[in-house]
Structure formats: C-alpha cells, structure tokens
C-alpha cells in the first residue's frame, strides 16, 4: 500500500490536476488583490493624512507579523459565524491570501517610490504640477520599473502558499491528494509527488523570468 504504483499515479492525476487549476485560480484572484491593494496602501502611506498613514502602518504591520495560517482560520471562522456562512472557502481564502501579501507588495512599492530622486519631487513642486500628473507621469512609471521584479517574487511566494487554504476546505492539490488517500487508503506518495512536480513546473520558469527581469532592471538607468 505504501509502495509506488504507476496505476495509482494515473488514477490520482486527474484529481491533482483539478487541484492545480484551483491553485492557479486562487493565485490569480489573490495576486490581483495583492498588487492593487499593495499599491493603494503604498500611495496612501505617502500622500494620505497622518491618521491614515498611522492606521495603514499599524494594520499592515500586524498582518505581516502574524502567521498566514492563523489569519486564514480567524477570518474563516469570523465570516462563518458573524457575517455570512454561505461565503465560499475559495473566496475567503483568496481574499485573506491577497491581503496578507499586499502587506509585502506595499513595502516593495514603497521602496520604489522612495528611490525616486528628491530632485524630481522638488521639480514637480516647483512646476506646480497637479498631484495626479505627478503620480501618473513621474512617480508611478519609475516606481513600477523598480518594483516589478520584487512584486513578481511575492506573487510566486504566494502561489506556493496556496496549500495553506486546505485547512478551510479549498480543494487545491494537497487537499485533493489527502481526499484521494482517505477514499482509497493509498496514493499519498503519488499524489504529493505530482503536486510537487506541478508546483515546480509552474513556479520555476516564472522565478527565472523574474530574476532576469530584476537583473535587467538593475542594469538600466532611470
């Protein structure tokens, strides 16, 4: 029962593949949240009123310094008991994962904003450019060039964290492998092996591309 079995491999593969598709869907949704929310937080911490800066700083420091697993379980329990028990595990898990990683992408965006030379801020002020023009034409283009590689690395890290959501019932690859094992009392080794290979096959090319992009941007002058 514990030995490698090619027939079991063939049987368990469709379930693991379905879990892989769920992983991609969660990554897409959570990635959009992490990118958009992280950018909004970085801008808010830069140009928002003092009380907004303090609130954002405290909230996202708390998120960064507490385990993702604890956040997932807390939000899932809270939404199920006090908000709407019909919300799906997919929706709740994707939202929690996206907000968690927004706390990291916001720091990458903030670093990109702070790397813009002070003279450009002063020139924009001297020219009395409106805020939307300063950010749209000067700050954001440079910030994105500086931050894109780092944000891509956070999305890759988030992709590999999706199995955390199996604790609330999201049927990603690990959950599918455990489900198959529970039904057939076999297939754990084969299922986990396929999951590992699919994670590697999906993340490694993106990681290499992100590293090349990072090196290319580091050599550019802007």
Protein backbone atom coordinates (compact mmCIF):
# COMPACT_ATOMS: atom_id res chain seq x y z
CA UNK A 1 0.00 0.00 0.00
CA UNK A 2 2.90 2.34 0.66
CA UNK A 3 4.93 1.38 -2.43
CA UNK A 4 4.98 3.43 -5.62
CA UNK A 5 2.28 2.33 -8.03
CA UNK A 6 2.03 3.64 -11.59
CA UNK A 7 -1.65 2.68 -11.81
CA UNK A 8 -2.37 4.73 -8.71
CA UNK A 9 -0.41 7.58 -10.27
CA UNK A 10 -2.68 7.53 -13.31
CA UNK A 11 -5.79 7.35 -11.15
CA UNK A 12 -4.86 10.20 -8.83
CA UNK A 13 -3.54 12.55 -11.51
CA UNK A 14 -6.93 13.99 -12.64
CA UNK A 15 -7.79 14.98 -9.07
CA UNK A 16 -4.38 16.59 -8.53
CA UNK A 17 -4.74 18.41 -11.85
CA UNK A 18 -8.10 19.79 -10.75
CA UNK A 19 -6.41 20.96 -7.58
CA UNK A 20 -3.69 22.59 -9.65
CA UNK A 21 -6.30 24.56 -11.58
CA UNK A 22 -7.75 25.73 -8.27
CA UNK A 23 -4.26 26.84 -7.20
CA UNK A 24 -3.95 28.90 -10.38
CA UNK A 25 -7.37 30.47 -9.85
CA UNK A 26 -6.59 31.38 -6.24
CA UNK A 27 -3.24 32.83 -7.30
CA UNK A 28 -4.90 34.95 -9.97
CA UNK A 29 -7.53 36.38 -7.62
CA UNK A 30 -5.21 36.81 -4.64
CA UNK A 31 -2.48 38.20 -6.88
CA UNK A 32 -4.77 40.92 -8.20
CA UNK A 33 -5.71 41.84 -4.65
CA UNK A 34 -2.07 41.88 -3.54
CA UNK A 35 -0.96 44.05 -6.46
CA UNK A 36 -3.82 46.57 -6.39
CA UNK A 37 -4.22 46.80 -2.61
CA UNK A 38 -0.47 46.91 -2.06
CA UNK A 39 -0.14 49.82 -4.48
CA UNK A 40 -3.06 51.64 -2.85
CA UNK A 41 -1.51 51.21 0.59
CA UNK A 42 1.88 52.45 -0.60
CA UNK A 43 0.32 55.57 -2.11
CA UNK A 44 -1.89 56.13 0.93
CA UNK A 45 1.12 55.94 3.25
CA UNK A 46 2.88 58.51 1.08
CA UNK A 47 0.22 61.14 0.45
CA UNK A 48 -2.56 60.35 2.92
CA UNK A 49 -3.33 62.41 6.02
CA UNK A 50 -1.38 61.49 9.17
CA UNK A 51 -4.16 59.42 10.72
CA UNK A 52 -4.50 57.33 7.52
CA UNK A 53 -0.74 56.71 7.49
CA UNK A 54 -0.81 55.57 11.11
CA UNK A 55 -3.77 53.25 10.59
CA UNK A 56 -2.30 51.69 7.46
CA UNK A 57 1.07 51.24 9.12
CA UNK A 58 -0.40 49.56 12.21
CA UNK A 59 -2.79 47.30 10.30
CA UNK A 60 -0.28 46.04 7.77
CA UNK A 61 2.48 45.62 10.34
CA UNK A 62 0.07 43.42 12.27
CA UNK A 63 -0.69 41.41 9.13
CA UNK A 64 2.99 40.96 8.31
CA UNK A 65 3.82 39.83 11.83
CA UNK A 66 1.11 37.21 12.30
CA UNK A 67 1.10 33.78 10.61
CA UNK A 68 -0.94 33.36 7.45
CA UNK A 69 -2.49 30.16 8.82
CA UNK A 70 -3.82 31.99 11.87
CA UNK A 71 -5.27 34.74 9.67
CA UNK A 72 -6.98 32.22 7.41
CA UNK A 73 -8.56 30.34 10.31
CA UNK A 74 -9.60 33.52 12.13
CA UNK A 75 -11.24 35.16 9.10
CA UNK A 76 -12.92 31.93 8.02
CA UNK A 77 -14.36 31.38 11.49
CA UNK A 78 -15.42 35.01 11.89
CA UNK A 79 -17.14 35.19 8.50
CA UNK A 80 -18.87 31.85 9.03
CA UNK A 81 -20.20 32.78 12.48
CA UNK A 82 -20.89 36.50 12.25
CA UNK A 83 -21.09 37.66 8.63
CA UNK A 84 -22.23 35.13 6.05
CA UNK A 85 -21.80 31.36 6.47
CA UNK A 86 -22.51 30.87 2.77
CA UNK A 87 -19.33 32.58 1.64
CA UNK A 88 -17.15 30.04 -0.12
CA UNK A 89 -13.80 28.90 1.19
CA UNK A 90 -12.35 29.89 -2.19
CA UNK A 91 -13.49 33.50 -1.83
CA UNK A 92 -12.46 33.89 1.80
CA UNK A 93 -9.13 32.13 1.31
CA UNK A 94 -8.26 34.14 -1.80
CA UNK A 95 -9.12 37.40 -0.05
CA UNK A 96 -7.05 36.58 3.05
CA UNK A 97 -4.10 35.44 0.96
CA UNK A 98 -4.29 38.57 -1.19
CA UNK A 99 -4.46 40.95 1.77
CA UNK A 100 -1.64 39.10 3.53
CA UNK A 101 0.67 39.50 0.56
CA UNK A 102 -0.48 43.07 -0.06
CA UNK A 103 1.35 43.85 3.18
CA UNK A 104 4.56 42.76 1.44
CA UNK A 105 3.94 44.18 -2.03
CA UNK A 106 3.16 47.55 -0.43
CA UNK A 107 6.67 47.57 1.03
CA UNK A 108 8.16 46.85 -2.40
CA UNK A 109 6.13 49.66 -3.91
CA UNK A 110 7.12 51.99 -1.08
CA UNK A 111 10.80 51.23 -1.67
CA UNK A 112 10.32 52.02 -5.35
CA UNK A 113 8.68 55.35 -4.52
CA UNK A 114 11.36 56.33 -2.03
CA UNK A 115 14.09 55.50 -4.56
CA UNK A 116 12.93 58.30 -6.85
CA UNK A 117 15.46 61.14 -6.60
CA UNK A 118 14.41 64.03 -4.37
CA UNK A 119 15.17 66.48 -7.18
CA UNK A 120 12.29 65.11 -9.23
CA UNK A 121 9.84 65.72 -6.39
CA UNK A 122 11.19 69.23 -5.97
CA UNK A 123 10.97 69.92 -9.71
CA UNK A 124 7.34 68.76 -9.78
CA UNK A 125 6.57 71.07 -6.84
CA UNK A 126 8.36 73.99 -8.49
CA UNK A 127 6.33 73.49 -11.66
CA UNK A 128 3.10 73.34 -9.61
CA UNK A 129 2.08 70.09 -11.28
CA UNK A 130 -1.21 68.66 -10.04
CA UNK A 131 -0.98 65.54 -7.87
CA UNK A 132 -2.48 63.23 -10.47
CA UNK A 133 0.05 64.44 -13.05
CA UNK A 134 2.98 63.98 -10.67
CA UNK A 135 1.98 60.42 -9.85
CA UNK A 136 0.75 59.43 -13.30
CA UNK A 137 3.62 60.84 -15.35
CA UNK A 138 6.59 60.82 -12.96
CA UNK A 139 6.23 58.64 -9.89
CA UNK A 140 4.29 55.54 -10.97
CA UNK A 141 6.25 54.77 -14.17
CA UNK A 142 9.57 54.87 -12.31
CA UNK A 143 8.19 53.08 -9.28
CA UNK A 144 6.81 50.25 -11.39
CA UNK A 145 10.15 49.70 -13.11
CA UNK A 146 11.86 49.49 -9.75
CA UNK A 147 9.23 47.34 -8.05
CA UNK A 148 8.00 44.93 -10.72
CA UNK A 149 10.59 42.21 -10.12
CA UNK A 150 10.14 42.30 -6.33
CA UNK A 151 6.35 42.16 -6.63
CA UNK A 152 6.62 39.24 -9.06
CA UNK A 153 8.70 37.38 -6.48
CA UNK A 154 6.00 37.96 -3.86
CA UNK A 155 3.35 36.56 -6.22
CA UNK A 156 5.49 33.46 -6.74
CA UNK A 157 5.80 33.07 -2.97
CA UNK A 158 2.04 33.47 -2.67
CA UNK A 159 1.49 30.77 -5.28
CA UNK A 160 3.42 28.33 -3.11
CA UNK A 161 1.37 29.33 -0.03
CA UNK A 162 -1.98 28.37 -1.56
CA UNK A 163 -1.92 24.86 0.05
CA UNK A 164 -2.38 26.65 3.39
CA UNK A 165 -6.01 27.09 2.38
CA UNK A 166 -6.71 23.36 2.58
CA UNK A 167 -7.43 23.90 6.30
CA UNK A 168 -10.67 25.68 5.38
CA UNK A 169 -11.65 23.25 2.63
CA UNK A 170 -10.19 24.75 -0.54
CA UNK A 171 -9.59 21.70 -2.73
CA UNK A 172 -6.16 22.55 -4.04
CA UNK A 173 -3.56 19.87 -4.83
CA UNK A 174 -2.64 18.82 -1.30
CA UNK A 175 -6.28 18.63 -0.27
CA UNK A 176 -7.06 16.54 -3.36
CA UNK A 177 -4.21 14.16 -2.53
CA UNK A 178 -5.47 13.77 1.03
CA UNK A 179 -9.02 13.27 -0.20
CA UNK A 180 -7.92 10.52 -2.57
CA UNK A 181 -5.89 8.86 0.18
CA UNK A 182 -8.86 8.98 2.53
CA UNK A 183 -11.11 7.33 -0.04
CA UNK A 184 -8.69 4.68 -1.29
CA UNK A 185 -6.25 4.30 1.63
CA UNK A 186 -3.49 4.72 -0.91
CA UNK A 187 -1.95 7.25 -3.30
CA UNK A 188 -0.35 9.65 -0.83
CA UNK A 189 3.16 9.33 -2.25
CA UNK A 190 1.98 9.54 -5.84
CA UNK A 191 -0.36 12.47 -5.15
CA UNK A 192 2.18 14.53 -3.24
CA UNK A 193 4.83 13.81 -5.87
CA UNK A 194 2.60 15.05 -8.68
CA UNK A 195 1.73 18.14 -6.63
CA UNK A 196 5.39 18.90 -6.03
CA UNK A 197 6.24 18.48 -9.71
CA UNK A 198 3.38 20.75 -10.79
CA UNK A 199 4.41 23.42 -8.27
CA UNK A 200 7.98 23.26 -9.56
CA UNK A 201 6.93 23.25 -13.23
CA UNK A 202 4.75 26.32 -12.72
CA UNK A 203 6.92 28.38 -10.38
CA UNK A 204 10.45 27.75 -11.63
CA UNK A 205 10.10 29.34 -15.12
CA UNK A 206 8.36 32.36 -13.59
CA UNK A 207 11.08 32.66 -10.93
CA UNK A 208 13.79 32.54 -13.60
CA UNK A 209 11.98 35.18 -15.65
CA UNK A 210 11.57 37.39 -12.58
CA UNK A 211 15.28 37.07 -11.77
CA UNK A 212 16.25 38.01 -15.32
CA UNK A 213 13.88 40.96 -15.22
CA UNK A 214 15.37 42.03 -11.89
CA UNK A 215 18.92 41.85 -13.28
CA UNK A 216 17.91 43.70 -16.42
CA UNK A 217 16.24 46.49 -14.49
CA UNK A 218 19.22 46.72 -12.11
CA UNK A 219 21.49 47.44 -15.09
CA UNK A 220 19.16 50.02 -16.61
CA UNK A 221 19.44 53.70 -15.84
CA UNK A 222 16.34 55.56 -14.74
